[in-house]
Amino acid sequence: MSDFNSDTVILITRNGMGDADPALQQKLIGIYLSLLDQNNLLPGAICFYTEGVKLVVEGSPVLQTLTSLEKKGVHLLICSTCLDYFQLADKVQVGIKGGMTDILEAQRRASKVISI
């Protein structure tokens, strides 16, 4: 059904999905992540950087889905530099804080990298 597998890495660089009204961006990322979870379309990792780190902190509308994906074995890698920049390091609710080296390594090992 899908080309997703453990060699796929998804990059999330926005606090939502696409260029649109923030409410629509949030709705779209929620649908996208829920479909991954519900259909077991499990990438090896999802990397969050720049505005994307806002999706893994308290108050994010997608925390429950991200927690479910993590429990299913998806590695959630979060840019610590970005967390520090936005002063969110102490608000992380899911995933692993790492550096750009960790994100780069995930990309290097991937057979497919999807940026959304």
N, C-alpha and C. Protein backbone atom coordinates (compact mmCIF):
# COMPACT_ATOMS: atom_id res chain seq x y z
N MET A 1 0.81 -1.19 0.00
CA MET A 1 0.00 0.00 0.00
C MET A 1 0.86 1.26 0.00
N SER A 2 2.08 1.16 0.50
CA SER A 2 2.86 2.38 0.69
C SER A 2 4.33 2.13 0.45
N ASP A 3 5.04 3.22 0.16
CA ASP A 3 6.49 3.16 0.03
C ASP A 3 7.17 3.51 1.35
N PHE A 4 6.38 3.77 2.39
CA PHE A 4 6.96 4.09 3.69
C PHE A 4 7.57 2.81 4.27
N ASN A 5 8.70 2.97 4.88
CA ASN A 5 9.32 1.87 5.61
C ASN A 5 10.34 2.46 6.58
N SER A 6 11.01 1.60 7.26
CA SER A 6 11.94 2.08 8.29
C SER A 6 13.12 2.86 7.72
N ASP A 7 13.29 2.83 6.39
CA ASP A 7 14.37 3.60 5.77
C ASP A 7 13.90 4.99 5.32
N THR A 8 12.65 5.34 5.61
CA THR A 8 12.10 6.63 5.24
C THR A 8 12.23 7.60 6.42
N VAL A 9 12.62 8.83 6.11
CA VAL A 9 12.69 9.89 7.12
C VAL A 9 11.81 11.03 6.64
N ILE A 10 11.01 11.55 7.56
CA ILE A 10 10.16 12.70 7.28
C ILE A 10 10.73 13.91 8.02
N LEU A 11 10.86 15.02 7.30
CA LEU A 11 11.34 16.26 7.88
C LEU A 11 10.16 17.21 8.07
N ILE A 12 9.97 17.67 9.28
CA ILE A 12 8.91 18.63 9.57
C ILE A 12 9.57 19.92 10.04
N THR A 13 9.41 20.97 9.24
CA THR A 13 10.10 22.23 9.50
C THR A 13 9.15 23.38 9.79
N ARG A 14 7.86 23.07 9.89
CA ARG A 14 6.86 24.11 10.15
C ARG A 14 5.98 23.69 11.32
N ASN A 15 5.31 24.66 11.89
CA ASN A 15 4.35 24.39 12.95
C ASN A 15 3.01 24.11 12.29
N GLY A 16 3.01 23.11 11.44
CA GLY A 16 1.85 22.75 10.64
C GLY A 16 2.32 22.20 9.31
N MET A 17 1.46 22.30 8.31
CA MET A 17 1.79 21.74 7.00
C MET A 17 1.34 22.70 5.91
N GLY A 18 2.25 23.04 5.01
CA GLY A 18 1.93 23.90 3.89
C GLY A 18 1.99 25.38 4.22
N ASP A 19 1.74 26.18 3.19
CA ASP A 19 1.68 27.64 3.33
C ASP A 19 0.22 28.05 3.30
N ALA A 20 -0.33 28.28 4.46
CA ALA A 20 -1.75 28.64 4.56
C ALA A 20 -1.98 29.29 5.91
N ASP A 21 -3.23 29.57 6.19
CA ASP A 21 -3.62 30.08 7.49
C ASP A 21 -3.13 29.09 8.55
N PRO A 22 -2.60 29.58 9.67
CA PRO A 22 -2.08 28.67 10.71
C PRO A 22 -3.08 27.59 11.16
N ALA A 23 -4.34 27.92 11.24
CA ALA A 23 -5.33 26.91 11.66
C ALA A 23 -5.41 25.77 10.64
N LEU A 24 -5.33 26.11 9.36
CA LEU A 24 -5.35 25.08 8.31
C LEU A 24 -4.07 24.26 8.34
N GLN A 25 -2.94 24.92 8.54
CA GLN A 25 -1.66 24.20 8.64
C GLN A 25 -1.71 23.17 9.76
N GLN A 26 -2.23 23.57 10.92
CA GLN A 26 -2.33 22.66 12.06
C GLN A 26 -3.28 21.50 11.76
N LYS A 27 -4.39 21.80 11.13
CA LYS A 27 -5.35 20.75 10.79
C LYS A 27 -4.72 19.73 9.83
N LEU A 28 -4.01 20.23 8.81
CA LEU A 28 -3.40 19.34 7.82
C LEU A 28 -2.33 18.44 8.44
N ILE A 29 -1.48 18.99 9.30
CA ILE A 29 -0.44 18.15 9.91
C ILE A 29 -1.08 17.12 10.83
N GLY A 30 -2.17 17.49 11.49
CA GLY A 30 -2.89 16.53 12.33
C GLY A 30 -3.44 15.37 11.51
N ILE A 31 -4.03 15.68 10.38
CA ILE A 31 -4.57 14.63 9.50
C ILE A 31 -3.44 13.76 8.97
N TYR A 32 -2.37 14.38 8.50
CA TYR A 32 -1.24 13.65 7.93
C TYR A 32 -0.67 12.65 8.95
N LEU A 33 -0.36 13.15 10.14
CA LEU A 33 0.23 12.29 11.17
C LEU A 33 -0.75 11.20 11.62
N SER A 34 -2.03 11.54 11.72
CA SER A 34 -3.04 10.54 12.11
C SER A 34 -3.13 9.43 11.08
N LEU A 35 -3.07 9.79 9.80
CA LEU A 35 -3.12 8.76 8.76
C LEU A 35 -1.89 7.85 8.80
N LEU A 36 -0.73 8.43 9.06
CA LEU A 36 0.47 7.60 9.24
C LEU A 36 0.24 6.59 10.36
N ASP A 37 -0.27 7.09 11.48
CA ASP A 37 -0.47 6.27 12.68
C ASP A 37 -1.55 5.21 12.45
N GLN A 38 -2.70 5.61 11.99
CA GLN A 38 -3.83 4.69 11.82
C GLN A 38 -3.57 3.60 10.80
N ASN A 39 -2.80 3.93 9.77
CA ASN A 39 -2.53 2.96 8.70
C ASN A 39 -1.18 2.27 8.85
N ASN A 40 -0.51 2.51 9.98
CA ASN A 40 0.81 1.93 10.24
C ASN A 40 1.79 2.19 9.11
N LEU A 41 1.75 3.40 8.57
CA LEU A 41 2.71 3.85 7.57
C LEU A 41 3.86 4.48 8.33
N LEU A 42 4.72 3.63 8.85
CA LEU A 42 5.69 4.07 9.84
C LEU A 42 7.06 4.34 9.24
N PRO A 43 7.46 5.61 9.22
CA PRO A 43 8.82 5.93 8.80
C PRO A 43 9.80 5.53 9.90
N GLY A 44 11.06 5.47 9.57
CA GLY A 44 12.06 5.18 10.58
C GLY A 44 12.21 6.33 11.56
N ALA A 45 12.09 7.55 11.03
CA ALA A 45 12.25 8.73 11.88
C ALA A 45 11.45 9.90 11.33
N ILE A 46 11.07 10.77 12.24
CA ILE A 46 10.53 12.07 11.89
C ILE A 46 11.43 13.09 12.58
N CYS A 47 11.99 14.00 11.79
CA CYS A 47 12.90 15.02 12.32
C CYS A 47 12.19 16.36 12.37
N PHE A 48 12.28 17.02 13.50
CA PHE A 48 11.64 18.31 13.71
C PHE A 48 12.70 19.37 13.88
N TYR A 49 12.65 20.40 13.05
CA TYR A 49 13.55 21.53 13.24
C TYR A 49 12.87 22.81 12.78
N THR A 50 13.51 23.92 12.99
CA THR A 50 12.94 25.27 12.88
C THR A 50 11.57 25.29 13.57
N GLU A 51 10.54 25.83 12.92
CA GLU A 51 9.22 25.95 13.56
C GLU A 51 8.60 24.59 13.87
N GLY A 52 9.09 23.53 13.25
CA GLY A 52 8.55 22.20 13.48
C GLY A 52 8.66 21.72 14.91
N VAL A 53 9.64 22.25 15.65
CA VAL A 53 9.81 21.81 17.04
C VAL A 53 8.60 22.17 17.91
N LYS A 54 7.81 23.12 17.45
CA LYS A 54 6.63 23.54 18.23
C LYS A 54 5.57 22.45 18.27
N LEU A 55 5.70 21.43 17.42
CA LEU A 55 4.73 20.34 17.40
C LEU A 55 4.98 19.29 18.48
N VAL A 56 6.14 19.32 19.12
CA VAL A 56 6.47 18.30 20.11
C VAL A 56 6.44 18.82 21.55
N VAL A 57 5.98 20.04 21.72
CA VAL A 57 5.97 20.64 23.05
C VAL A 57 4.54 20.73 23.60
N GLU A 58 4.45 20.98 24.90
CA GLU A 58 3.14 21.07 25.54
C GLU A 58 2.26 22.08 24.80
N GLY A 59 1.00 21.70 24.66
CA GLY A 59 0.05 22.53 23.95
C GLY A 59 -0.12 22.18 22.48
N SER A 60 0.76 21.34 21.95
CA SER A 60 0.66 20.95 20.54
C SER A 60 -0.57 20.07 20.33
N PRO A 61 -1.31 20.31 19.24
CA PRO A 61 -2.51 19.51 18.98
C PRO A 61 -2.22 18.10 18.48
N VAL A 62 -0.96 17.80 18.21
CA VAL A 62 -0.63 16.47 17.65
C VAL A 62 0.17 15.59 18.61
N LEU A 63 0.25 15.97 19.87
CA LEU A 63 1.04 15.20 20.84
C LEU A 63 0.58 13.76 20.98
N GLN A 64 -0.71 13.55 21.04
CA GLN A 64 -1.23 12.18 21.21
C GLN A 64 -0.82 11.30 20.04
N THR A 65 -0.93 11.82 18.84
CA THR A 65 -0.55 11.05 17.65
C THR A 65 0.94 10.80 17.62
N LEU A 66 1.74 11.82 17.95
CA LEU A 66 3.19 11.63 17.97
C LEU A 66 3.60 10.61 19.02
N THR A 67 2.95 10.63 20.16
CA THR A 67 3.23 9.64 21.21
C THR A 67 2.93 8.24 20.71
N SER A 68 1.83 8.08 20.00
CA SER A 68 1.46 6.78 19.45
C SER A 68 2.49 6.31 18.42
N LEU A 69 2.91 7.21 17.55
CA LEU A 69 3.93 6.85 16.55
C LEU A 69 5.24 6.45 17.22
N GLU A 70 5.62 7.18 18.27
CA GLU A 70 6.85 6.86 18.99
C GLU A 70 6.75 5.48 19.63
N LYS A 71 5.60 5.17 20.21
CA LYS A 71 5.40 3.85 20.83
C LYS A 71 5.47 2.73 19.81
N LYS A 72 5.17 3.04 18.55
CA LYS A 72 5.24 2.05 17.48
C LYS A 72 6.64 1.93 16.89
N GLY A 73 7.59 2.68 17.44
CA GLY A 73 8.97 2.55 17.02
C GLY A 73 9.51 3.65 16.13
N VAL A 74 8.72 4.67 15.84
CA VAL A 74 9.20 5.78 15.02
C VAL A 74 10.07 6.69 15.90
N HIS A 75 11.28 6.96 15.45
CA HIS A 75 12.18 7.85 16.18
C HIS A 75 11.78 9.29 15.88
N LEU A 76 11.55 10.06 16.93
CA LEU A 76 11.22 11.47 16.79
C LEU A 76 12.43 12.26 17.24
N LEU A 77 13.13 12.86 16.28
CA LEU A 77 14.36 13.60 16.57
C LEU A 77 14.08 15.10 16.54
N ILE A 78 14.46 15.78 17.59
CA ILE A 78 14.15 17.20 17.75
C ILE A 78 15.43 18.01 17.84
N CYS A 79 15.52 19.05 17.04
CA CYS A 79 16.69 19.92 17.03
C CYS A 79 16.79 20.71 18.33
N SER A 80 17.83 20.44 19.10
CA SER A 80 17.99 21.14 20.38
C SER A 80 18.34 22.61 20.18
N THR A 81 19.04 22.94 19.12
CA THR A 81 19.35 24.35 18.83
C THR A 81 18.06 25.14 18.61
N CYS A 82 17.13 24.54 17.89
CA CYS A 82 15.84 25.18 17.62
C CYS A 82 15.02 25.31 18.90
N LEU A 83 15.03 24.26 19.71
CA LEU A 83 14.32 24.33 21.00
C LEU A 83 14.86 25.47 21.85
N ASP A 84 16.18 25.59 21.89
CA ASP A 84 16.80 26.66 22.67
C ASP A 84 16.43 28.03 22.09
N TYR A 85 16.45 28.14 20.78
CA TYR A 85 16.13 29.41 20.12
C TYR A 85 14.73 29.89 20.48
N PHE A 86 13.77 28.96 20.46
CA PHE A 86 12.38 29.31 20.78
C PHE A 86 12.08 29.21 22.29
N GLN A 87 13.11 28.91 23.09
CA GLN A 87 12.98 28.77 24.55
C GLN A 87 11.91 27.72 24.91
N LEU A 88 12.01 26.56 24.25
CA LEU A 88 11.04 25.48 24.44
C LEU A 88 11.65 24.20 24.99
N ALA A 89 12.94 24.22 25.30
CA ALA A 89 13.63 22.99 25.70
C ALA A 89 12.98 22.29 26.89
N ASP A 90 12.41 23.06 27.80
CA ASP A 90 11.81 22.46 29.00
C ASP A 90 10.34 22.10 28.79
N LYS A 91 9.83 22.28 27.59
CA LYS A 91 8.42 22.01 27.32
C LYS A 91 8.21 20.78 26.41
N VAL A 92 9.28 20.09 26.07
CA VAL A 92 9.19 18.93 25.18
C VAL A 92 8.40 17.81 25.86
N GLN A 93 7.44 17.25 25.14
CA GLN A 93 6.58 16.19 25.67
C GLN A 93 6.83 14.83 25.01
N VAL A 94 7.46 14.81 23.86
CA VAL A 94 7.66 13.57 23.13
C VAL A 94 8.92 13.71 22.27
N GLY A 95 9.60 12.60 22.04
CA GLY A 95 10.76 12.62 21.17
C GLY A 95 12.07 12.73 21.91
N ILE A 96 13.14 12.80 21.13
CA ILE A 96 14.50 12.82 21.65
C ILE A 96 15.17 14.11 21.19
N LYS A 97 15.67 14.88 22.15
CA LYS A 97 16.41 16.09 21.81
C LYS A 97 17.76 15.67 21.25
N GLY A 98 18.12 16.26 20.15
CA GLY A 98 19.40 15.94 19.54
C GLY A 98 19.94 17.15 18.80
N GLY A 99 21.04 16.93 18.15
CA GLY A 99 21.66 18.01 17.39
C GLY A 99 21.45 17.80 15.90
N MET A 100 21.94 18.74 15.15
CA MET A 100 21.85 18.64 13.71
C MET A 100 22.61 17.42 13.21
N THR A 101 23.62 17.00 13.94
CA THR A 101 24.36 15.79 13.58
C THR A 101 23.44 14.57 13.57
N ASP A 102 22.53 14.48 14.54
CA ASP A 102 21.59 13.37 14.60
C ASP A 102 20.61 13.40 13.43
N ILE A 103 20.15 14.59 13.09
CA ILE A 103 19.23 14.74 11.96
C ILE A 103 19.95 14.40 10.66
N LEU A 104 21.16 14.87 10.52
CA LEU A 104 21.97 14.57 9.33
C LEU A 104 22.21 13.08 9.20
N GLU A 105 22.50 12.42 10.29
CA GLU A 105 22.73 10.97 10.26
C GLU A 105 21.47 10.22 9.86
N ALA A 106 20.32 10.63 10.37
CA ALA A 106 19.05 9.99 9.98
C ALA A 106 18.82 10.15 8.49
N GLN A 107 19.11 11.33 7.96
CA GLN A 107 18.95 11.56 6.52
C GLN A 107 19.93 10.72 5.72
N ARG A 108 21.15 10.63 6.19
CA ARG A 108 22.18 9.86 5.47
C ARG A 108 21.81 8.39 5.36
N ARG A 109 21.23 7.86 6.42
CA ARG A 109 20.87 6.44 6.43
C ARG A 109 19.58 6.13 5.67
N ALA A 110 18.79 7.16 5.41
CA ALA A 110 17.49 6.96 4.78
C ALA A 110 17.61 6.65 3.30
N SER A 111 16.70 5.79 2.82
CA SER A 111 16.62 5.55 1.39
C SER A 111 15.67 6.57 0.75
N LYS A 112 14.82 7.19 1.58
CA LYS A 112 13.89 8.22 1.11
C LYS A 112 13.74 9.27 2.19
N VAL A 113 13.83 10.55 1.80
CA VAL A 113 13.61 11.66 2.71
C VAL A 113 12.46 12.50 2.16
N ILE A 114 11.45 12.70 3.00
CA ILE A 114 10.26 13.46 2.62
C ILE A 114 10.23 14.72 3.47
N SER A 115 10.18 15.87 2.83
CA SER A 115 10.09 17.13 3.54
C SER A 115 8.69 17.70 3.39
N ILE A 116 8.04 17.96 4.54
CA ILE A 116 6.69 18.51 4.47
C ILE A 116 6.61 19.82 5.24
